[in-house]
Protein backbone atom coordinates (compact mmCIF):
# COMPACT_ATOMS: atom_id res chain seq x y z
CA UNK A 1 87.36 119.20 103.77
CA UNK A 2 89.74 117.88 101.11
CA UNK A 3 92.33 120.05 99.38
CA UNK A 4 91.94 120.39 95.61
CA UNK A 5 94.99 119.56 93.51
CA UNK A 6 95.25 119.92 89.75
CA UNK A 7 96.69 117.06 87.73
CA UNK A 8 98.63 118.54 84.84
CA UNK A 9 97.50 115.79 82.46
CA UNK A 10 94.44 114.74 80.50
CA UNK A 11 95.28 111.04 80.84
CA UNK A 12 92.24 109.30 82.39
CA UNK A 13 94.33 106.35 83.64
CA UNK A 14 96.77 108.65 85.45
CA UNK A 15 93.86 110.62 86.93
CA UNK A 16 92.26 107.50 88.44
CA UNK A 17 95.59 106.37 89.84
CA UNK A 18 96.37 109.73 91.44
CA UNK A 19 92.82 110.08 92.80
CA UNK A 20 93.01 106.67 94.52
CA UNK A 21 96.48 107.20 95.94
CA UNK A 22 96.07 110.76 97.16
CA UNK A 23 92.56 110.42 98.65
CA UNK A 24 94.13 109.03 101.84
CA UNK A 25 96.17 112.25 102.20
CA UNK A 26 93.01 114.42 102.04
CA UNK A 27 93.50 115.55 98.45
CA UNK A 28 90.86 115.78 95.73
CA UNK A 29 92.68 115.42 92.38
CA UNK A 30 91.08 117.25 89.46
CA UNK A 31 92.29 117.10 85.82
CA UNK A 32 93.46 120.37 84.29
CA UNK A 33 90.86 119.81 81.54
CA UNK A 34 88.18 120.72 84.11
CA UNK A 35 89.60 124.27 83.92
CA UNK A 36 89.96 124.24 80.13
CA UNK A 37 93.75 124.48 80.42
CA UNK A 38 95.83 123.59 77.36
CA UNK A 39 98.88 121.42 77.77
CA UNK A 40 102.09 123.25 78.62
CA UNK A 41 104.86 123.50 76.00
CA UNK A 42 107.42 120.95 77.13
CA UNK A 43 110.52 122.98 76.39
CA UNK A 44 112.75 121.40 79.03
CA UNK A 45 115.70 119.14 78.21
CA UNK A 46 115.16 116.76 81.14
CA UNK A 47 112.27 114.91 82.79
CA UNK A 48 112.71 117.17 85.84
CA UNK A 49 112.44 120.40 83.83
CA UNK A 50 109.36 119.24 81.93
CA UNK A 51 107.56 118.01 85.06
CA UNK A 52 108.15 121.41 86.74
CA UNK A 53 107.03 123.31 83.60
CA UNK A 54 103.75 121.35 83.50
CA UNK A 55 103.06 121.70 87.26
CA UNK A 56 103.80 125.44 87.22
CA UNK A 57 101.58 125.92 84.16
CA UNK A 58 98.64 124.26 85.94
CA UNK A 59 99.25 126.36 89.12
CA UNK A 60 99.37 129.61 87.13
CA UNK A 61 96.05 128.93 85.39
CA UNK A 62 94.10 127.72 88.45
CA UNK A 63 95.70 129.24 91.54
CA UNK A 64 95.68 125.73 93.03
CA UNK A 65 98.45 123.26 93.94
CA UNK A 66 99.40 121.00 91.02
CA UNK A 67 101.08 117.71 90.32
CA UNK A 68 102.71 116.75 87.01
CA UNK A 69 104.60 113.74 85.79
CA UNK A 70 107.12 113.46 83.01
CA UNK A 71 108.29 110.02 82.08
CA UNK A 72 109.92 108.06 79.33
CA UNK A 73 112.23 105.29 78.23
CA UNK A 74 116.05 105.46 78.24
CA UNK A 75 117.84 102.89 76.06
CA UNK A 76 121.60 102.47 76.63
CA UNK A 77 122.45 101.35 73.08
CA UNK A 78 120.77 104.51 71.75
CA UNK A 79 122.62 106.92 74.06
CA UNK A 80 119.54 107.40 76.19
CA UNK A 81 117.00 107.84 73.37
CA UNK A 82 114.04 108.15 73.15
CA UNK A 83 114.25 109.83 76.59
CA UNK A 84 112.12 112.96 76.99
CA UNK A 85 110.84 112.41 73.44
CA UNK A 86 109.42 108.95 74.21
CA UNK A 87 105.78 109.86 73.50
CA UNK A 88 106.66 111.52 70.18
CA UNK A 89 109.64 109.39 69.11
CA UNK A 90 108.19 108.62 65.65
CA UNK A 91 106.58 112.06 65.26
CA UNK A 92 104.47 114.60 67.15
CA UNK A 93 101.20 112.66 66.79
CA UNK A 94 102.81 109.19 66.74
CA UNK A 95 100.91 106.18 68.04
CA UNK A 96 102.38 103.73 70.53
CA UNK A 97 102.67 101.25 67.66
CA UNK A 98 104.64 103.71 65.49
CA UNK A 99 106.99 104.52 68.40
CA UNK A 100 107.56 100.81 69.10
CA UNK A 101 108.25 100.14 65.40
CA UNK A 102 110.85 102.92 65.29
CA UNK A 103 112.50 101.63 68.47
CA UNK A 104 112.76 98.10 67.04
CA UNK A 105 114.23 99.46 63.77
CA UNK A 106 116.88 101.42 65.66
CA UNK A 107 117.81 98.34 67.69
CA UNK A 108 117.73 95.94 64.74
CA UNK A 109 121.45 95.10 64.87
CA UNK A 110 121.81 95.24 68.66
CA UNK A 111 122.35 91.94 70.50
CA UNK A 112 119.88 91.01 73.26
CA UNK A 113 122.37 91.46 76.11
CA UNK A 114 123.10 94.98 74.82
CA UNK A 115 119.45 96.07 74.89
CA UNK A 116 119.45 97.31 78.50
CA UNK A 117 116.93 100.08 79.21
CA UNK A 118 114.99 101.76 81.98
CA UNK A 119 111.81 103.69 82.43
CA UNK A 120 112.02 106.99 84.33
CA UNK A 121 109.22 108.91 86.02
CA UNK A 122 109.65 112.32 87.63
CA UNK A 123 106.78 113.74 89.61
CA UNK A 124 106.69 117.46 90.45
CA UNK A 125 104.34 118.78 93.12
CA UNK A 126 103.96 122.55 93.55
CA UNK A 127 101.83 124.38 96.15
CA UNK A 128 101.65 127.49 93.93
CA UNK A 129 103.15 128.85 90.71
CA UNK A 130 106.01 130.63 92.55
CA UNK A 131 106.86 127.64 94.75
CA UNK A 132 110.68 127.80 95.08
CA UNK A 133 110.98 124.23 96.35
CA UNK A 134 108.75 121.88 94.34
CA UNK A 135 108.57 118.35 95.69
CA UNK A 136 110.40 116.12 93.16
CA UNK A 137 110.17 112.33 93.19
CA UNK A 138 112.06 110.08 90.76
CA UNK A 139 111.22 106.45 90.05
CA UNK A 140 113.40 104.14 87.89
CA UNK A 141 112.40 100.72 86.49
CA UNK A 142 115.20 98.61 85.00
CA UNK A 143 114.70 96.18 82.12
CA UNK A 144 115.66 95.51 78.54
CA UNK A 145 114.10 95.80 75.10
CA UNK A 146 112.65 92.68 73.49
CA UNK A 147 112.92 92.01 69.74
CA UNK A 148 109.18 91.33 69.36
CA UNK A 149 106.19 92.75 71.31
CA UNK A 150 104.56 90.64 74.04
CA UNK A 151 101.31 91.07 75.97
CA UNK A 152 98.13 93.08 75.61
CA UNK A 153 98.22 95.31 78.71
CA UNK A 154 99.87 98.60 79.57
CA UNK A 155 100.66 101.31 77.05
CA UNK A 156 103.65 103.00 75.37
CA UNK A 157 106.66 100.72 75.19
CA UNK A 158 105.28 98.14 77.65
CA UNK A 159 105.00 95.32 75.02
CA UNK A 160 108.75 95.68 74.35
CA UNK A 161 109.95 96.33 77.93
CA UNK A 162 111.14 93.06 79.48
CA UNK A 163 111.02 92.96 83.28
CA UNK A 164 113.76 90.56 84.51
CA UNK A 165 112.36 90.29 88.06
CA UNK A 166 109.07 88.90 86.69
CA UNK A 167 110.41 87.23 83.50
CA UNK A 168 107.80 88.88 81.29
CA UNK A 169 107.06 92.04 79.34
CA UNK A 170 105.51 94.98 81.22
CA UNK A 171 102.42 94.50 79.00
CA UNK A 172 102.02 90.99 80.46
CA UNK A 173 101.93 92.15 84.08
CA UNK A 174 98.78 92.31 86.20
CA UNK A 175 97.78 96.00 86.45
CA UNK A 176 98.06 96.15 90.24
CA UNK A 177 101.51 94.52 90.18
CA UNK A 178 102.67 96.89 87.44
CA UNK A 179 101.48 99.91 89.47
CA UNK A 180 103.40 98.56 92.48
CA UNK A 181 106.78 97.97 90.82
CA UNK A 182 106.87 100.43 87.93
CA UNK A 183 108.78 103.72 87.68
CA UNK A 184 105.53 105.63 88.28
CA UNK A 185 104.60 103.40 91.22
CA UNK A 186 108.00 104.01 92.84
CA UNK A 187 107.77 107.80 92.33
CA UNK A 188 104.18 107.84 93.62
CA UNK A 189 105.18 105.95 96.79
CA UNK A 190 107.88 108.60 97.41
CA UNK A 191 105.38 111.43 96.89
CA UNK A 192 102.79 109.79 99.13
CA UNK A 193 105.32 109.41 101.94
CA UNK A 194 106.41 113.04 101.59
CA UNK A 195 102.87 114.43 101.62
CA UNK A 196 101.79 112.24 104.57
CA UNK A 197 104.76 113.51 106.54
CA UNK A 198 104.02 117.20 105.94
């Protein structure tokens, strides 16, 4: 019988990805929305803190193990912004388009070779709300910020995130390839290896 795990997210794309990847480990991933759980208040100052806050919140409300991810974009020329505020960079209910527009405005006078950036993803896995040693996995994806959007795929800052290894924007990548090489893909591979070894 498979072990139920709560995904501390309502994102349907993330849910599918986690369900596919963790099925091989004997886990049945269920979204927190199935338990009518509201999103946790992300009061942390780092990706690690926010991932733990979200995972603990889901554990507390369900009594089940939980997994949470906190991710975002770090731009060197902006001293690491938007960082943990990536999803709400242009405001609390900001669209991807509004966030991308703000990022381009802030980088307006920055030369192309100074637009280095990276995506971060931190995954936190907790067996229960009092788990003193959550499993933490951190994936990093290096790139730089384009001056104009490219591609139709992905989400967030993907149309502006240039991937040097593939000479294209993240939004131009095939979905399977993106999942393999992205910050989330790297963190997921770490988590998978850890859980399979338990």
